[in-house]
Amino acid sequence: MDETVMDTKALPEFLSKLISTERVRINETDGIIQLVPIKEDNDCTIGLRGLFSEYPEMSVDKFLERKHADKKLEI
C-alpha cells in the first residue's frame, strides 16, 4: 500500500473543486486509488490529555498556579 500527501492545487481542476481542503492523502490498495481530504485543525488543544483536556481555555499562568499549589500540598 502506497500513501502520499499532496496539495489539492496539484490535482486537475475538476477534482480540486470537489475537495474542500487544501491537502489530500492518496492511498493505493489493490489498484484502487482513494483521495482522502486532510482537515488541518489549528486548535492546539486537540490531543491533549489530563488537565488540559477538561479546560482548554486554561492559561499558562493558571496552570503554573495549580502546579505550585500541588507542590505545596505534597510538602
N, C-alpha and C. Protein backbone atom coordinates (compact mmCIF):
# COMPACT_ATOMS: atom_id res chain seq x y z
N MET A 1 0.85 -1.18 0.00
CA MET A 1 0.00 0.00 0.00
C MET A 1 0.89 1.24 0.00
N ASP A 2 0.71 2.11 -0.98
CA ASP A 2 1.44 3.37 -1.06
C ASP A 2 0.55 4.48 -0.54
N GLU A 3 1.18 5.48 0.12
CA GLU A 3 0.43 6.62 0.63
C GLU A 3 1.24 7.88 0.39
N THR A 4 0.57 8.91 -0.11
CA THR A 4 1.21 10.18 -0.41
C THR A 4 0.28 11.31 0.01
N VAL A 5 0.87 12.43 0.42
CA VAL A 5 0.09 13.63 0.74
C VAL A 5 0.45 14.69 -0.29
N MET A 6 -0.58 15.38 -0.82
CA MET A 6 -0.30 16.42 -1.81
C MET A 6 -1.32 17.54 -1.69
N ASP A 7 -0.97 18.69 -2.23
CA ASP A 7 -1.88 19.83 -2.28
C ASP A 7 -2.96 19.57 -3.32
N THR A 8 -4.17 20.03 -3.03
CA THR A 8 -5.25 19.86 -4.00
C THR A 8 -5.04 20.72 -5.24
N LYS A 9 -4.17 21.74 -5.13
CA LYS A 9 -3.87 22.59 -6.29
C LYS A 9 -3.19 21.80 -7.40
N ALA A 10 -2.53 20.70 -7.01
CA ALA A 10 -1.83 19.88 -8.00
C ALA A 10 -2.77 18.92 -8.72
N LEU A 11 -3.99 18.80 -8.24
CA LEU A 11 -4.98 17.92 -8.87
C LEU A 11 -5.63 18.63 -10.05
N PRO A 12 -6.22 17.88 -10.97
CA PRO A 12 -6.98 18.51 -12.04
C PRO A 12 -8.11 19.37 -11.44
N GLU A 13 -8.47 20.42 -12.13
CA GLU A 13 -9.46 21.38 -11.63
C GLU A 13 -10.78 20.70 -11.24
N PHE A 14 -11.19 19.73 -12.02
CA PHE A 14 -12.44 19.01 -11.73
C PHE A 14 -12.40 18.38 -10.34
N LEU A 15 -11.30 17.72 -9.98
CA LEU A 15 -11.19 17.08 -8.68
C LEU A 15 -10.98 18.09 -7.56
N SER A 16 -10.18 19.11 -7.79
CA SER A 16 -9.91 20.08 -6.74
C SER A 16 -11.17 20.84 -6.33
N LYS A 17 -12.12 21.02 -7.25
CA LYS A 17 -13.40 21.68 -6.91
C LYS A 17 -14.25 20.80 -5.99
N LEU A 18 -14.08 19.49 -6.08
CA LEU A 18 -14.87 18.56 -5.26
C LEU A 18 -14.34 18.44 -3.83
N ILE A 19 -13.10 18.83 -3.61
CA ILE A 19 -12.46 18.65 -2.31
C ILE A 19 -12.33 20.01 -1.63
N SER A 20 -12.84 20.11 -0.40
CA SER A 20 -12.88 21.40 0.29
C SER A 20 -11.62 21.70 1.12
N THR A 21 -10.69 20.77 1.18
CA THR A 21 -9.47 21.00 1.96
C THR A 21 -8.30 21.35 1.04
N GLU A 22 -7.22 21.83 1.65
CA GLU A 22 -6.05 22.22 0.86
C GLU A 22 -5.14 21.04 0.53
N ARG A 23 -5.24 19.97 1.31
CA ARG A 23 -4.37 18.81 1.09
C ARG A 23 -5.18 17.53 1.11
N VAL A 24 -4.70 16.52 0.41
CA VAL A 24 -5.34 15.21 0.38
C VAL A 24 -4.29 14.13 0.61
N ARG A 25 -4.74 13.04 1.20
CA ARG A 25 -3.91 11.85 1.34
C ARG A 25 -4.34 10.89 0.24
N ILE A 26 -3.38 10.39 -0.50
CA ILE A 26 -3.67 9.48 -1.60
C ILE A 26 -3.22 8.08 -1.20
N ASN A 27 -4.17 7.16 -1.15
CA ASN A 27 -3.90 5.76 -0.81
C ASN A 27 -4.13 4.90 -2.04
N GLU A 28 -3.27 3.93 -2.23
CA GLU A 28 -3.46 2.96 -3.31
C GLU A 28 -3.41 1.58 -2.70
N THR A 29 -4.53 0.86 -2.83
CA THR A 29 -4.62 -0.50 -2.30
C THR A 29 -5.26 -1.39 -3.35
N ASP A 30 -4.57 -2.42 -3.75
CA ASP A 30 -5.08 -3.37 -4.75
C ASP A 30 -5.60 -2.68 -6.01
N GLY A 31 -4.88 -1.67 -6.47
CA GLY A 31 -5.26 -0.98 -7.70
C GLY A 31 -6.35 0.07 -7.52
N ILE A 32 -6.85 0.25 -6.30
CA ILE A 32 -7.88 1.25 -6.04
C ILE A 32 -7.21 2.47 -5.43
N ILE A 33 -7.44 3.64 -6.03
CA ILE A 33 -6.85 4.88 -5.54
C ILE A 33 -7.91 5.68 -4.80
N GLN A 34 -7.58 6.07 -3.57
CA GLN A 34 -8.50 6.85 -2.75
C GLN A 34 -7.89 8.21 -2.46
N LEU A 35 -8.70 9.26 -2.57
CA LEU A 35 -8.29 10.61 -2.18
C LEU A 35 -9.02 10.94 -0.89
N VAL A 36 -8.28 11.14 0.18
CA VAL A 36 -8.86 11.41 1.49
C VAL A 36 -8.49 12.83 1.90
N PRO A 37 -9.49 13.72 2.03
CA PRO A 37 -9.19 15.09 2.45
C PRO A 37 -8.55 15.12 3.84
N ILE A 38 -7.56 16.00 4.01
CA ILE A 38 -6.90 16.15 5.30
C ILE A 38 -7.39 17.45 5.92
N LYS A 39 -8.07 17.32 7.04
CA LYS A 39 -8.55 18.51 7.75
C LYS A 39 -7.46 18.95 8.71
N GLU A 40 -6.90 20.10 8.43
CA GLU A 40 -5.85 20.63 9.29
C GLU A 40 -6.50 21.55 10.31
N ASP A 41 -6.44 21.13 11.54
CA ASP A 41 -7.04 21.89 12.62
C ASP A 41 -5.94 22.66 13.34
N ASN A 42 -6.15 23.93 13.52
CA ASN A 42 -5.16 24.75 14.22
C ASN A 42 -5.42 24.82 15.71
N ASP A 43 -6.36 24.02 16.19
CA ASP A 43 -6.68 24.01 17.61
C ASP A 43 -5.58 23.26 18.36
N CYS A 44 -4.84 23.99 19.18
CA CYS A 44 -3.70 23.39 19.87
C CYS A 44 -4.12 22.47 21.02
N THR A 45 -5.41 22.44 21.37
CA THR A 45 -5.84 21.58 22.47
C THR A 45 -6.22 20.18 22.01
N ILE A 46 -6.25 19.95 20.70
CA ILE A 46 -6.60 18.62 20.20
C ILE A 46 -5.50 17.65 20.59
N GLY A 47 -5.89 16.55 21.16
CA GLY A 47 -4.92 15.52 21.53
C GLY A 47 -4.36 15.69 22.93
N LEU A 48 -4.73 16.77 23.62
CA LEU A 48 -4.24 16.94 24.98
C LEU A 48 -5.00 16.02 25.92
N ARG A 49 -4.32 15.58 26.91
CA ARG A 49 -4.93 14.66 27.87
C ARG A 49 -4.85 15.25 29.26
N GLY A 50 -5.56 14.63 30.19
CA GLY A 50 -5.47 15.04 31.58
C GLY A 50 -6.07 16.41 31.83
N LEU A 51 -5.36 17.21 32.56
CA LEU A 51 -5.84 18.52 32.99
C LEU A 51 -6.27 19.39 31.83
N PHE A 52 -5.49 19.42 30.75
CA PHE A 52 -5.79 20.31 29.64
C PHE A 52 -7.01 19.87 28.83
N SER A 53 -7.32 18.61 28.81
CA SER A 53 -8.46 18.16 28.01
C SER A 53 -9.77 18.67 28.58
N GLU A 54 -9.81 18.88 29.89
CA GLU A 54 -11.04 19.36 30.52
C GLU A 54 -11.15 20.88 30.50
N TYR A 55 -10.02 21.57 30.42
CA TYR A 55 -10.01 23.02 30.49
C TYR A 55 -9.18 23.62 29.36
N PRO A 56 -9.67 23.57 28.13
CA PRO A 56 -8.87 24.07 27.01
C PRO A 56 -8.60 25.57 27.09
N GLU A 57 -9.43 26.29 27.86
CA GLU A 57 -9.23 27.74 27.93
C GLU A 57 -8.25 28.13 29.03
N MET A 58 -7.69 27.17 29.76
CA MET A 58 -6.78 27.47 30.86
C MET A 58 -5.49 28.10 30.35
N SER A 59 -5.12 29.20 30.96
CA SER A 59 -3.89 29.88 30.56
C SER A 59 -2.68 29.22 31.21
N VAL A 60 -1.52 29.55 30.73
CA VAL A 60 -0.28 29.02 31.29
C VAL A 60 -0.13 29.47 32.74
N ASP A 61 -0.49 30.72 33.02
CA ASP A 61 -0.37 31.25 34.38
C ASP A 61 -1.22 30.45 35.36
N LYS A 62 -2.46 30.16 34.96
CA LYS A 62 -3.33 29.38 35.85
C LYS A 62 -2.80 27.97 36.04
N PHE A 63 -2.27 27.39 34.97
CA PHE A 63 -1.69 26.06 35.07
C PHE A 63 -0.52 26.06 36.06
N LEU A 64 0.36 27.05 35.95
CA LEU A 64 1.50 27.13 36.86
C LEU A 64 1.06 27.36 38.30
N GLU A 65 0.02 28.17 38.50
CA GLU A 65 -0.53 28.36 39.85
C GLU A 65 -0.97 27.03 40.45
N ARG A 66 -1.66 26.24 39.66
CA ARG A 66 -2.12 24.93 40.15
C ARG A 66 -0.96 24.00 40.47
N LYS A 67 0.04 24.01 39.59
CA LYS A 67 1.20 23.15 39.83
C LYS A 67 1.93 23.54 41.11
N HIS A 68 2.09 24.85 41.35
CA HIS A 68 2.74 25.32 42.57
C HIS A 68 1.91 24.94 43.80
N ALA A 69 0.59 25.07 43.68
CA ALA A 69 -0.30 24.70 44.80
C ALA A 69 -0.18 23.20 45.09
N ASP A 70 -0.11 22.39 44.03
CA ASP A 70 0.05 20.94 44.21
C ASP A 70 1.36 20.62 44.91
N LYS A 71 2.43 21.31 44.53
CA LYS A 71 3.75 21.08 45.15
C LYS A 71 3.70 21.42 46.64
N LYS A 72 3.01 22.52 46.98
CA LYS A 72 2.91 22.91 48.40
C LYS A 72 2.17 21.85 49.21
N LEU A 73 1.16 21.23 48.60
CA LEU A 73 0.40 20.19 49.30
C LEU A 73 1.23 18.95 49.51
N GLU A 74 2.17 18.66 48.60
CA GLU A 74 2.99 17.47 48.72
C GLU A 74 4.00 17.59 49.87
N ILE A 75 4.41 18.81 50.19
CA ILE A 75 5.45 19.01 51.21
C ILE A 75 4.89 18.93 52.59
